[in-house]
Amino acid sequence: MGLFKSKAERKLERDMEIRKGINACKRSIRELQRHERDYIKKARRAKEIGAEDQLRFLKKTIRQTAAQRRALERQLLAIETAAQRKNQMEMQGQFARSLATISKSIAEVFNDVNWVEVQKNFEKAMLQAETFEEQAELFLEASQQTMFTDKAYDEELVSDDEIDRMIEDQAAKEELRELDRKIEAGLGEIERELKQRE
């Protein structure tokens, strides 16, 4: 059945596949961010209770998760950039086709267009657009094959200091939230006492 699809149908299917790939990548990044936050909370708890073995394990897990997330973010950027370049090339192809149509119309009216040159330029532009589209497809296929392999990310991208900072930042945020709750409760108590006195 795929042999009988029009060029527009094949283009639409390719665009849908690209969008699906981008959306899947974004979902994976969000999921990894959620796991990262959960691991950081657990590492903070392990640090509070002095569970050094658990803390070491959680730090390693945070490093792996953050490295995987960063690798996916880089891959997402590459896919989005390639898709954008593909769209630009398609626009340039449409421009070339429109220009050829206009040239033909002018030639019919004035009979003074060098058709050999127009044809040569048109064919060259079409060949460049097709070559770029094929290269974009090959790039996207290659990215899909390597995106989720064990070597898709490098744990060394996330240092121990950075993980410690993540844990400390989480702890500081929670302490600030707790302090805000206490201040709010205290202000509420003062307001109630003031109303009772009135």
N, C-alpha and C. Protein backbone atom coordinates (compact mmCIF):
# COMPACT_ATOMS: atom_id res chain seq x y z
N MET A 1 0.81 -1.21 0.00
CA MET A 1 0.00 0.00 0.00
C MET A 1 0.85 1.26 0.00
N GLY A 2 2.01 1.23 0.71
CA GLY A 2 2.86 2.39 0.81
C GLY A 2 3.41 2.86 -0.52
N LEU A 3 3.45 1.93 -1.52
CA LEU A 3 3.99 2.29 -2.83
C LEU A 3 3.08 3.27 -3.57
N PHE A 4 1.80 3.27 -3.22
CA PHE A 4 0.83 4.08 -3.96
C PHE A 4 0.49 5.39 -3.27
N LYS A 5 1.25 5.74 -2.23
CA LYS A 5 0.98 7.01 -1.53
C LYS A 5 1.55 8.17 -2.33
N SER A 6 0.84 9.28 -2.26
CA SER A 6 1.32 10.47 -2.97
C SER A 6 2.48 11.08 -2.20
N LYS A 7 3.18 11.98 -2.85
CA LYS A 7 4.31 12.67 -2.22
C LYS A 7 3.83 13.45 -0.99
N ALA A 8 2.65 14.08 -1.11
CA ALA A 8 2.10 14.85 0.02
C ALA A 8 1.76 13.93 1.19
N GLU A 9 1.22 12.73 0.90
CA GLU A 9 0.90 11.79 1.98
C GLU A 9 2.17 11.30 2.68
N ARG A 10 3.20 11.00 1.88
CA ARG A 10 4.47 10.57 2.48
C ARG A 10 5.08 11.68 3.33
N LYS A 11 5.00 12.92 2.85
CA LYS A 11 5.52 14.05 3.62
C LYS A 11 4.76 14.21 4.94
N LEU A 12 3.42 14.08 4.86
CA LEU A 12 2.59 14.20 6.06
C LEU A 12 2.96 13.11 7.07
N GLU A 13 3.16 11.88 6.60
CA GLU A 13 3.54 10.79 7.50
C GLU A 13 4.91 11.06 8.14
N ARG A 14 5.86 11.55 7.34
CA ARG A 14 7.19 11.87 7.90
C ARG A 14 7.08 12.96 8.96
N ASP A 15 6.29 14.00 8.67
CA ASP A 15 6.12 15.09 9.64
C ASP A 15 5.48 14.58 10.93
N MET A 16 4.49 13.67 10.78
CA MET A 16 3.84 13.11 11.98
C MET A 16 4.83 12.28 12.79
N GLU A 17 5.69 11.51 12.12
CA GLU A 17 6.70 10.71 12.81
C GLU A 17 7.68 11.60 13.56
N ILE A 18 8.07 12.70 12.92
CA ILE A 18 9.00 13.64 13.57
C ILE A 18 8.34 14.22 14.82
N ARG A 19 7.07 14.66 14.70
CA ARG A 19 6.36 15.22 15.86
C ARG A 19 6.22 14.19 16.97
N LYS A 20 5.90 12.94 16.59
CA LYS A 20 5.77 11.89 17.60
C LYS A 20 7.10 11.66 18.31
N GLY A 21 8.19 11.67 17.55
CA GLY A 21 9.52 11.49 18.15
C GLY A 21 9.87 12.61 19.11
N ILE A 22 9.57 13.84 18.70
CA ILE A 22 9.84 15.01 19.56
C ILE A 22 9.02 14.93 20.83
N ASN A 23 7.73 14.60 20.70
CA ASN A 23 6.86 14.52 21.88
C ASN A 23 7.29 13.40 22.81
N ALA A 24 7.69 12.26 22.25
CA ALA A 24 8.16 11.14 23.09
C ALA A 24 9.42 11.54 23.84
N CYS A 25 10.31 12.26 23.18
CA CYS A 25 11.54 12.72 23.81
C CYS A 25 11.23 13.68 24.96
N LYS A 26 10.29 14.61 24.72
CA LYS A 26 9.91 15.56 25.77
C LYS A 26 9.28 14.85 26.96
N ARG A 27 8.44 13.84 26.69
CA ARG A 27 7.83 13.08 27.79
C ARG A 27 8.91 12.37 28.61
N SER A 28 9.88 11.78 27.92
CA SER A 28 10.96 11.08 28.62
C SER A 28 11.76 12.04 29.48
N ILE A 29 12.01 13.24 28.99
CA ILE A 29 12.76 14.24 29.76
C ILE A 29 11.98 14.63 31.01
N ARG A 30 10.66 14.86 30.86
CA ARG A 30 9.84 15.20 32.03
C ARG A 30 9.85 14.08 33.06
N GLU A 31 9.76 12.84 32.58
CA GLU A 31 9.77 11.68 33.47
C GLU A 31 11.12 11.58 34.21
N LEU A 32 12.21 11.81 33.49
CA LEU A 32 13.53 11.77 34.13
C LEU A 32 13.68 12.89 35.16
N GLN A 33 13.12 14.07 34.87
CA GLN A 33 13.17 15.17 35.83
C GLN A 33 12.42 14.79 37.11
N ARG A 34 11.26 14.12 36.94
CA ARG A 34 10.48 13.70 38.11
C ARG A 34 11.28 12.68 38.93
N HIS A 35 11.89 11.71 38.24
CA HIS A 35 12.72 10.72 38.96
C HIS A 35 13.87 11.41 39.69
N GLU A 36 14.49 12.38 39.02
CA GLU A 36 15.61 13.10 39.62
C GLU A 36 15.19 13.77 40.93
N ARG A 37 14.04 14.46 40.88
CA ARG A 37 13.55 15.13 42.11
C ARG A 37 13.29 14.12 43.22
N ASP A 38 12.67 12.97 42.86
CA ASP A 38 12.39 11.95 43.88
C ASP A 38 13.67 11.37 44.47
N TYR A 39 14.67 11.11 43.62
CA TYR A 39 15.94 10.58 44.13
C TYR A 39 16.63 11.59 45.04
N ILE A 40 16.53 12.88 44.70
CA ILE A 40 17.16 13.92 45.53
C ILE A 40 16.51 13.95 46.91
N LYS A 41 15.17 13.83 46.96
CA LYS A 41 14.48 13.80 48.25
C LYS A 41 14.93 12.60 49.08
N LYS A 42 15.05 11.45 48.40
CA LYS A 42 15.48 10.25 49.12
C LYS A 42 16.92 10.40 49.61
N ALA A 43 17.78 11.02 48.80
CA ALA A 43 19.17 11.22 49.21
C ALA A 43 19.24 12.14 50.42
N ARG A 44 18.38 13.14 50.44
CA ARG A 44 18.34 14.06 51.59
C ARG A 44 17.93 13.30 52.87
N ARG A 45 16.92 12.41 52.70
CA ARG A 45 16.50 11.62 53.86
C ARG A 45 17.62 10.69 54.32
N ALA A 46 18.32 10.07 53.36
CA ALA A 46 19.42 9.17 53.70
C ALA A 46 20.52 9.94 54.44
N LYS A 47 20.76 11.17 54.00
CA LYS A 47 21.79 12.00 54.65
C LYS A 47 21.36 12.36 56.07
N GLU A 48 20.08 12.68 56.25
CA GLU A 48 19.56 13.05 57.57
C GLU A 48 19.66 11.90 58.57
N ILE A 49 19.40 10.67 58.10
CA ILE A 49 19.43 9.53 59.03
C ILE A 49 20.79 8.85 59.08
N GLY A 50 21.76 9.37 58.32
CA GLY A 50 23.12 8.85 58.36
C GLY A 50 23.30 7.53 57.63
N ALA A 51 22.46 7.24 56.64
CA ALA A 51 22.57 6.00 55.86
C ALA A 51 23.53 6.23 54.70
N GLU A 52 24.83 6.12 55.00
CA GLU A 52 25.86 6.45 54.01
C GLU A 52 25.83 5.54 52.79
N ASP A 53 25.57 4.24 52.99
CA ASP A 53 25.53 3.33 51.85
C ASP A 53 24.37 3.69 50.91
N GLN A 54 23.21 4.02 51.49
CA GLN A 54 22.07 4.44 50.68
C GLN A 54 22.36 5.76 49.98
N LEU A 55 23.02 6.67 50.68
CA LEU A 55 23.37 7.98 50.10
C LEU A 55 24.29 7.80 48.89
N ARG A 56 25.30 6.91 49.03
CA ARG A 56 26.20 6.67 47.90
C ARG A 56 25.44 6.10 46.70
N PHE A 57 24.56 5.13 46.98
CA PHE A 57 23.77 4.53 45.91
C PHE A 57 22.87 5.57 45.24
N LEU A 58 22.22 6.40 46.04
CA LEU A 58 21.31 7.41 45.50
C LEU A 58 22.08 8.47 44.70
N LYS A 59 23.27 8.83 45.15
CA LYS A 59 24.09 9.78 44.39
C LYS A 59 24.42 9.21 43.01
N LYS A 60 24.78 7.92 42.98
CA LYS A 60 25.08 7.29 41.69
C LYS A 60 23.84 7.29 40.80
N THR A 61 22.68 6.99 41.39
CA THR A 61 21.43 6.96 40.63
C THR A 61 21.07 8.35 40.12
N ILE A 62 21.28 9.37 40.95
CA ILE A 62 21.02 10.76 40.52
C ILE A 62 21.94 11.11 39.36
N ARG A 63 23.21 10.73 39.47
CA ARG A 63 24.19 11.03 38.41
C ARG A 63 23.75 10.38 37.09
N GLN A 64 23.35 9.10 37.15
CA GLN A 64 22.92 8.40 35.94
C GLN A 64 21.67 9.05 35.34
N THR A 65 20.72 9.38 36.20
CA THR A 65 19.46 9.95 35.73
C THR A 65 19.68 11.33 35.12
N ALA A 66 20.49 12.16 35.79
CA ALA A 66 20.76 13.51 35.27
C ALA A 66 21.54 13.44 33.96
N ALA A 67 22.48 12.50 33.87
CA ALA A 67 23.25 12.35 32.63
C ALA A 67 22.35 11.89 31.49
N GLN A 68 21.45 10.96 31.79
CA GLN A 68 20.52 10.48 30.76
C GLN A 68 19.59 11.61 30.31
N ARG A 69 19.11 12.42 31.28
CA ARG A 69 18.24 13.55 30.93
C ARG A 69 18.97 14.54 30.05
N ARG A 70 20.21 14.85 30.39
CA ARG A 70 20.97 15.82 29.59
C ARG A 70 21.24 15.29 28.18
N ALA A 71 21.52 13.99 28.08
CA ALA A 71 21.74 13.40 26.75
C ALA A 71 20.47 13.49 25.91
N LEU A 72 19.32 13.22 26.54
CA LEU A 72 18.05 13.33 25.82
C LEU A 72 17.76 14.76 25.41
N GLU A 73 18.10 15.71 26.29
CA GLU A 73 17.89 17.13 25.95
C GLU A 73 18.73 17.51 24.73
N ARG A 74 19.97 17.00 24.66
CA ARG A 74 20.81 17.28 23.50
C ARG A 74 20.23 16.63 22.24
N GLN A 75 19.75 15.40 22.38
CA GLN A 75 19.15 14.71 21.23
C GLN A 75 17.89 15.42 20.76
N LEU A 76 17.08 15.88 21.72
CA LEU A 76 15.86 16.62 21.37
C LEU A 76 16.22 17.88 20.60
N LEU A 77 17.23 18.57 21.06
CA LEU A 77 17.67 19.79 20.37
C LEU A 77 18.12 19.46 18.94
N ALA A 78 18.85 18.36 18.77
CA ALA A 78 19.30 17.97 17.43
C ALA A 78 18.13 17.63 16.52
N ILE A 79 17.14 16.90 17.05
CA ILE A 79 15.97 16.54 16.24
C ILE A 79 15.17 17.78 15.87
N GLU A 80 14.94 18.67 16.85
CA GLU A 80 14.17 19.89 16.57
C GLU A 80 14.88 20.75 15.53
N THR A 81 16.20 20.84 15.64
CA THR A 81 16.97 21.64 14.67
C THR A 81 16.89 21.03 13.28
N ALA A 82 17.04 19.70 13.20
CA ALA A 82 16.97 19.03 11.90
C ALA A 82 15.58 19.20 11.28
N ALA A 83 14.53 19.09 12.10
CA ALA A 83 13.17 19.27 11.58
C ALA A 83 12.96 20.69 11.08
N GLN A 84 13.50 21.65 11.80
CA GLN A 84 13.38 23.05 11.38
C GLN A 84 14.11 23.28 10.06
N ARG A 85 15.31 22.69 9.92
CA ARG A 85 16.06 22.84 8.66
C ARG A 85 15.30 22.19 7.51
N LYS A 86 14.68 21.04 7.77
CA LYS A 86 13.89 20.35 6.75
C LYS A 86 12.76 21.27 6.28
N ASN A 87 12.07 21.90 7.23
CA ASN A 87 10.98 22.82 6.87
C ASN A 87 11.49 23.99 6.03
N GLN A 88 12.67 24.50 6.40
CA GLN A 88 13.25 25.61 5.62
C GLN A 88 13.55 25.16 4.19
N MET A 89 14.11 23.95 4.05
CA MET A 89 14.43 23.46 2.71
C MET A 89 13.17 23.26 1.88
N GLU A 90 12.10 22.78 2.54
CA GLU A 90 10.84 22.60 1.83
C GLU A 90 10.29 23.94 1.35
N MET A 91 10.43 24.98 2.19
CA MET A 91 9.98 26.31 1.78
C MET A 91 10.79 26.81 0.59
N GLN A 92 12.10 26.55 0.63
CA GLN A 92 12.95 26.98 -0.49
C GLN A 92 12.59 26.22 -1.75
N GLY A 93 12.23 24.94 -1.60
CA GLY A 93 11.80 24.15 -2.76
C GLY A 93 10.52 24.72 -3.35
N GLN A 94 9.58 25.10 -2.47
CA GLN A 94 8.33 25.70 -2.95
C GLN A 94 8.61 27.02 -3.66
N PHE A 95 9.53 27.79 -3.10
CA PHE A 95 9.90 29.05 -3.74
C PHE A 95 10.46 28.80 -5.14
N ALA A 96 11.33 27.79 -5.24
CA ALA A 96 11.94 27.48 -6.55
C ALA A 96 10.86 27.04 -7.54
N ARG A 97 9.90 26.23 -7.08
CA ARG A 97 8.82 25.79 -7.97
C ARG A 97 7.97 26.98 -8.40
N SER A 98 7.67 27.87 -7.47
CA SER A 98 6.89 29.07 -7.81
C SER A 98 7.64 29.94 -8.80
N LEU A 99 8.93 30.09 -8.56
CA LEU A 99 9.76 30.90 -9.45
C LEU A 99 9.79 30.30 -10.86
N ALA A 100 9.87 28.97 -10.93
CA ALA A 100 9.87 28.32 -12.24
C ALA A 100 8.53 28.55 -12.95
N THR A 101 7.43 28.49 -12.19
CA THR A 101 6.10 28.73 -12.79
C THR A 101 5.99 30.16 -13.30
N ILE A 102 6.48 31.10 -12.50
CA ILE A 102 6.44 32.51 -12.92
C ILE A 102 7.31 32.70 -14.16
N SER A 103 8.49 32.07 -14.14
CA SER A 103 9.39 32.17 -15.30
C SER A 103 8.72 31.64 -16.57
N LYS A 104 8.01 30.54 -16.40
CA LYS A 104 7.32 29.95 -17.54
C LYS A 104 6.26 30.90 -18.09
N SER A 105 5.51 31.51 -17.16
CA SER A 105 4.46 32.45 -17.59
C SER A 105 5.06 33.65 -18.32
N ILE A 106 6.13 34.16 -17.78
CA ILE A 106 6.78 35.32 -18.43
C ILE A 106 7.30 34.92 -19.81
N ALA A 107 7.90 33.72 -19.88
CA ALA A 107 8.44 33.26 -21.16
C ALA A 107 7.34 33.11 -22.20
N GLU A 108 6.19 32.62 -21.78
CA GLU A 108 5.08 32.46 -22.71
C GLU A 108 4.63 33.81 -23.26
N VAL A 109 4.69 34.81 -22.40
CA VAL A 109 4.25 36.14 -22.84
C VAL A 109 5.32 36.81 -23.69
N PHE A 110 6.54 36.75 -23.26
CA PHE A 110 7.60 37.52 -23.92
C PHE A 110 8.56 36.69 -24.78
N ASN A 111 8.53 35.38 -24.63
CA ASN A 111 9.37 34.48 -25.42
C ASN A 111 10.86 34.83 -25.39
N ASP A 112 11.34 35.32 -24.27
CA ASP A 112 12.76 35.67 -24.24
C ASP A 112 13.48 35.09 -23.01
N VAL A 113 12.95 33.99 -22.48
CA VAL A 113 13.58 33.35 -21.32
C VAL A 113 14.50 32.24 -21.80
N ASN A 114 15.64 32.15 -21.18
CA ASN A 114 16.59 31.08 -21.50
C ASN A 114 16.13 29.81 -20.76
N TRP A 115 15.35 28.97 -21.46
CA TRP A 115 14.75 27.80 -20.81
C TRP A 115 15.79 26.79 -20.36
N VAL A 116 16.88 26.73 -21.07
CA VAL A 116 17.93 25.79 -20.67
C VAL A 116 18.45 26.17 -19.29
N GLU A 117 18.68 27.46 -19.07
CA GLU A 117 19.19 27.94 -17.78
C GLU A 117 18.16 27.75 -16.67
N VAL A 118 16.89 28.08 -16.95
CA VAL A 118 15.82 27.92 -15.96
C VAL A 118 15.71 26.44 -15.58
N GLN A 119 15.71 25.56 -16.55
CA GLN A 119 15.59 24.13 -16.29
C GLN A 119 16.78 23.63 -15.47
N LYS A 120 17.97 24.06 -15.84
CA LYS A 120 19.18 23.64 -15.13
C LYS A 120 19.12 24.09 -13.66
N ASN A 121 18.76 25.36 -13.44
CA ASN A 121 18.67 25.88 -12.07
C ASN A 121 17.57 25.17 -11.28
N PHE A 122 16.44 24.93 -11.93
CA PHE A 122 15.32 24.26 -11.27
C PHE A 122 15.73 22.85 -10.83
N GLU A 123 16.33 22.09 -11.74
CA GLU A 123 16.74 20.73 -11.42
C GLU A 123 17.79 20.71 -10.31
N LYS A 124 18.68 21.66 -10.34
CA LYS A 124 19.71 21.75 -9.29
C LYS A 124 19.05 22.02 -7.93
N ALA A 125 18.10 22.95 -7.89
CA ALA A 125 17.42 23.28 -6.64
C ALA A 125 16.63 22.07 -6.12
N MET A 126 15.93 21.36 -7.02
CA MET A 126 15.16 20.19 -6.61
C MET A 126 16.08 19.08 -6.08
N LEU A 127 17.21 18.88 -6.72
CA LEU A 127 18.15 17.86 -6.29
C LEU A 127 18.70 18.19 -4.90
N GLN A 128 19.01 19.46 -4.67
CA GLN A 128 19.52 19.87 -3.35
C GLN A 128 18.46 19.65 -2.27
N ALA A 129 17.21 19.99 -2.56
CA ALA A 129 16.14 19.81 -1.58
C ALA A 129 15.94 18.33 -1.27
N GLU A 130 15.93 17.48 -2.30
CA GLU A 130 15.75 16.05 -2.08
C GLU A 130 16.92 15.46 -1.31
N THR A 131 18.14 15.87 -1.64
CA THR A 131 19.33 15.37 -0.94
C THR A 131 19.26 15.74 0.54
N PHE A 132 18.87 16.98 0.83
CA PHE A 132 18.78 17.41 2.22
C PHE A 132 17.71 16.61 2.96
N GLU A 133 16.57 16.38 2.31
CA GLU A 133 15.49 15.64 2.94
C GLU A 133 15.93 14.21 3.25
N GLU A 134 16.66 13.57 2.32
CA GLU A 134 17.16 12.22 2.56
C GLU A 134 18.15 12.21 3.72
N GLN A 135 19.03 13.23 3.77
CA GLN A 135 20.00 13.30 4.86
C GLN A 135 19.30 13.50 6.20
N ALA A 136 18.24 14.32 6.21
CA ALA A 136 17.49 14.54 7.46
C ALA A 136 16.84 13.24 7.91
N GLU A 137 16.29 12.48 6.98
CA GLU A 137 15.67 11.20 7.34
C GLU A 137 16.70 10.22 7.89
N LEU A 138 17.87 10.14 7.24
CA LEU A 138 18.93 9.26 7.74
C LEU A 138 19.38 9.66 9.13
N PHE A 139 19.49 10.97 9.36
CA PHE A 139 19.90 11.47 10.67
C PHE A 139 18.88 11.08 11.73
N LEU A 140 17.59 11.26 11.43
CA LEU A 140 16.55 10.93 12.40
C LEU A 140 16.52 9.43 12.68
N GLU A 141 16.71 8.60 11.65
CA GLU A 141 16.75 7.16 11.86
C GLU A 141 17.94 6.78 12.74
N ALA A 142 19.09 7.37 12.48
CA ALA A 142 20.28 7.07 13.28
C ALA A 142 20.09 7.50 14.73
N SER A 143 19.44 8.65 14.93
CA SER A 143 19.20 9.14 16.29
C SER A 143 18.29 8.19 17.05
N GLN A 144 17.27 7.66 16.36
CA GLN A 144 16.35 6.73 17.02
C GLN A 144 17.06 5.45 17.43
N GLN A 145 18.02 4.99 16.63
CA GLN A 145 18.71 3.75 16.94
C GLN A 145 19.64 3.90 18.13
N THR A 146 20.21 5.09 18.33
CA THR A 146 21.19 5.27 19.41
C THR A 146 20.62 5.97 20.63
N MET A 147 19.39 6.45 20.55
CA MET A 147 18.85 7.30 21.62
C MET A 147 18.76 6.58 22.96
N PHE A 148 18.38 5.29 22.95
CA PHE A 148 18.12 4.62 24.22
C PHE A 148 19.10 3.48 24.50
N THR A 149 20.28 3.52 23.88
CA THR A 149 21.28 2.51 24.18
C THR A 149 21.99 2.85 25.48
N ASP A 150 22.74 1.86 26.01
CA ASP A 150 23.46 2.09 27.27
C ASP A 150 24.49 3.20 27.13
N LYS A 151 25.00 3.42 25.93
CA LYS A 151 26.04 4.41 25.71
C LYS A 151 25.46 5.78 25.34
N ALA A 152 24.15 5.93 25.47
CA ALA A 152 23.51 7.17 25.02
C ALA A 152 23.81 8.34 25.95
N TYR A 153 24.36 8.07 27.14
CA TYR A 153 24.65 9.18 28.04
C TYR A 153 25.94 8.88 28.80
N ASP A 154 26.50 9.92 29.29
CA ASP A 154 27.78 9.81 29.98
C ASP A 154 27.59 10.29 31.41
N GLU A 155 27.79 9.39 32.36
CA GLU A 155 27.58 9.74 33.77
C GLU A 155 28.56 10.81 34.25
N GLU A 156 29.68 10.93 33.57
CA GLU A 156 30.69 11.90 34.00
C GLU A 156 30.23 13.34 33.79
N LEU A 157 29.12 13.53 33.09
CA LEU A 157 28.60 14.89 32.89
C LEU A 157 28.10 15.51 34.18
N VAL A 158 27.82 14.69 35.20
CA VAL A 158 27.27 15.17 36.46
C VAL A 158 28.27 14.85 37.57
N SER A 159 28.79 15.88 38.21
CA SER A 159 29.82 15.68 39.23
C SER A 159 29.20 15.42 40.60
N ASP A 160 30.02 14.88 41.53
CA ASP A 160 29.57 14.68 42.91
C ASP A 160 29.18 16.01 43.54
N ASP A 161 29.95 17.06 43.27
CA ASP A 161 29.63 18.38 43.82
C ASP A 161 28.25 18.84 43.36
N GLU A 162 27.96 18.59 42.09
CA GLU A 162 26.67 19.02 41.56
C GLU A 162 25.53 18.26 42.23
N ILE A 163 25.71 16.96 42.45
CA ILE A 163 24.68 16.17 43.13
C ILE A 163 24.49 16.65 44.56
N ASP A 164 25.62 16.91 45.27
CA ASP A 164 25.53 17.46 46.63
C ASP A 164 24.76 18.77 46.63
N ARG A 165 25.04 19.62 45.63
CA ARG A 165 24.35 20.91 45.52
C ARG A 165 22.85 20.71 45.30
N MET A 166 22.49 19.72 44.47
CA MET A 166 21.07 19.44 44.23
C MET A 166 20.37 19.04 45.52
N ILE A 167 21.05 18.17 46.28
CA ILE A 167 20.47 17.71 47.55
C ILE A 167 20.32 18.88 48.52
N GLU A 168 21.36 19.69 48.64
CA GLU A 168 21.32 20.84 49.55
C GLU A 168 20.26 21.87 49.12
N ASP A 169 20.15 22.10 47.81
CA ASP A 169 19.13 23.04 47.31
C ASP A 169 17.73 22.56 47.67
N GLN A 170 17.51 21.25 47.52
CA GLN A 170 16.20 20.69 47.86
C GLN A 170 15.94 20.88 49.35
N ALA A 171 16.97 20.62 50.17
CA ALA A 171 16.81 20.78 51.62
C ALA A 171 16.50 22.23 51.97
N ALA A 172 17.21 23.17 51.35
CA ALA A 172 16.97 24.60 51.62
C ALA A 172 15.56 25.01 51.22
N LYS A 173 15.10 24.51 50.08
CA LYS A 173 13.73 24.85 49.63
C LYS A 173 12.69 24.34 50.62
N GLU A 174 12.89 23.11 51.09
CA GLU A 174 11.93 22.54 52.04
C GLU A 174 11.96 23.29 53.37
N GLU A 175 13.16 23.69 53.80
CA GLU A 175 13.25 24.45 55.05
C GLU A 175 12.55 25.80 54.92
N LEU A 176 12.72 26.46 53.74
CA LEU A 176 12.03 27.73 53.51
C LEU A 176 10.52 27.55 53.51
N ARG A 177 10.04 26.48 52.87
CA ARG A 177 8.60 26.22 52.86
C ARG A 177 8.07 26.00 54.27
N GLU A 178 8.84 25.24 55.08
CA GLU A 178 8.43 24.99 56.46
C GLU A 178 8.41 26.29 57.26
N LEU A 179 9.42 27.14 57.05
CA LEU A 179 9.46 28.43 57.74
C LEU A 179 8.28 29.31 57.33
N ASP A 180 7.97 29.32 56.03
CA ASP A 180 6.81 30.08 55.54
C ASP A 180 5.52 29.59 56.19
N ARG A 181 5.38 28.27 56.32
CA ARG A 181 4.17 27.72 56.96
C ARG A 181 4.07 28.17 58.41
N LYS A 182 5.21 28.15 59.12
CA LYS A 182 5.21 28.56 60.53
C LYS A 182 4.87 30.04 60.66
N ILE A 183 5.44 30.88 59.79
CA ILE A 183 5.15 32.32 59.83
C ILE A 183 3.68 32.56 59.54
N GLU A 184 3.16 31.86 58.54
CA GLU A 184 1.75 32.02 58.18
C GLU A 184 0.84 31.59 59.34
N ALA A 185 1.19 30.49 59.99
CA ALA A 185 0.40 30.02 61.13
C ALA A 185 0.46 31.05 62.27
N GLY A 186 1.66 31.60 62.51
CA GLY A 186 1.81 32.61 63.56
C GLY A 186 1.00 33.86 63.27
N LEU A 187 1.04 34.31 62.02
CA LEU A 187 0.25 35.49 61.65
C LEU A 187 -1.24 35.22 61.78
N GLY A 188 -1.66 34.00 61.43
CA GLY A 188 -3.07 33.64 61.58
C GLY A 188 -3.49 33.67 63.04
N GLU A 189 -2.63 33.19 63.91
CA GLU A 189 -2.92 33.19 65.36
C GLU A 189 -3.03 34.62 65.89
N ILE A 190 -2.13 35.50 65.45
CA ILE A 190 -2.17 36.91 65.87
C ILE A 190 -3.46 37.57 65.40
N GLU A 191 -3.86 37.29 64.16
CA GLU A 191 -5.11 37.87 63.63
C GLU A 191 -6.31 37.41 64.43
N ARG A 192 -6.34 36.12 64.78
CA ARG A 192 -7.46 35.61 65.59
C ARG A 192 -7.51 36.29 66.96
N GLU A 193 -6.34 36.45 67.60
CA GLU A 193 -6.32 37.12 68.90
C GLU A 193 -6.79 38.56 68.81
N LEU A 194 -6.37 39.27 67.76
CA LEU A 194 -6.79 40.65 67.57
C LEU A 194 -8.31 40.75 67.34
N LYS A 195 -8.86 39.82 66.62
CA LYS A 195 -10.32 39.83 66.38
C LYS A 195 -11.08 39.56 67.65
N GLN A 196 -10.54 38.66 68.49
CA GLN A 196 -11.22 38.35 69.76
C GLN A 196 -11.22 39.55 70.70
N ARG A 197 -10.20 40.38 70.62
CA ARG A 197 -10.10 41.55 71.51
C ARG A 197 -11.03 42.68 71.08
N GLU A 198 -11.40 42.67 69.79
CA GLU A 198 -12.25 43.77 69.28
C GLU A 198 -13.64 43.67 69.74
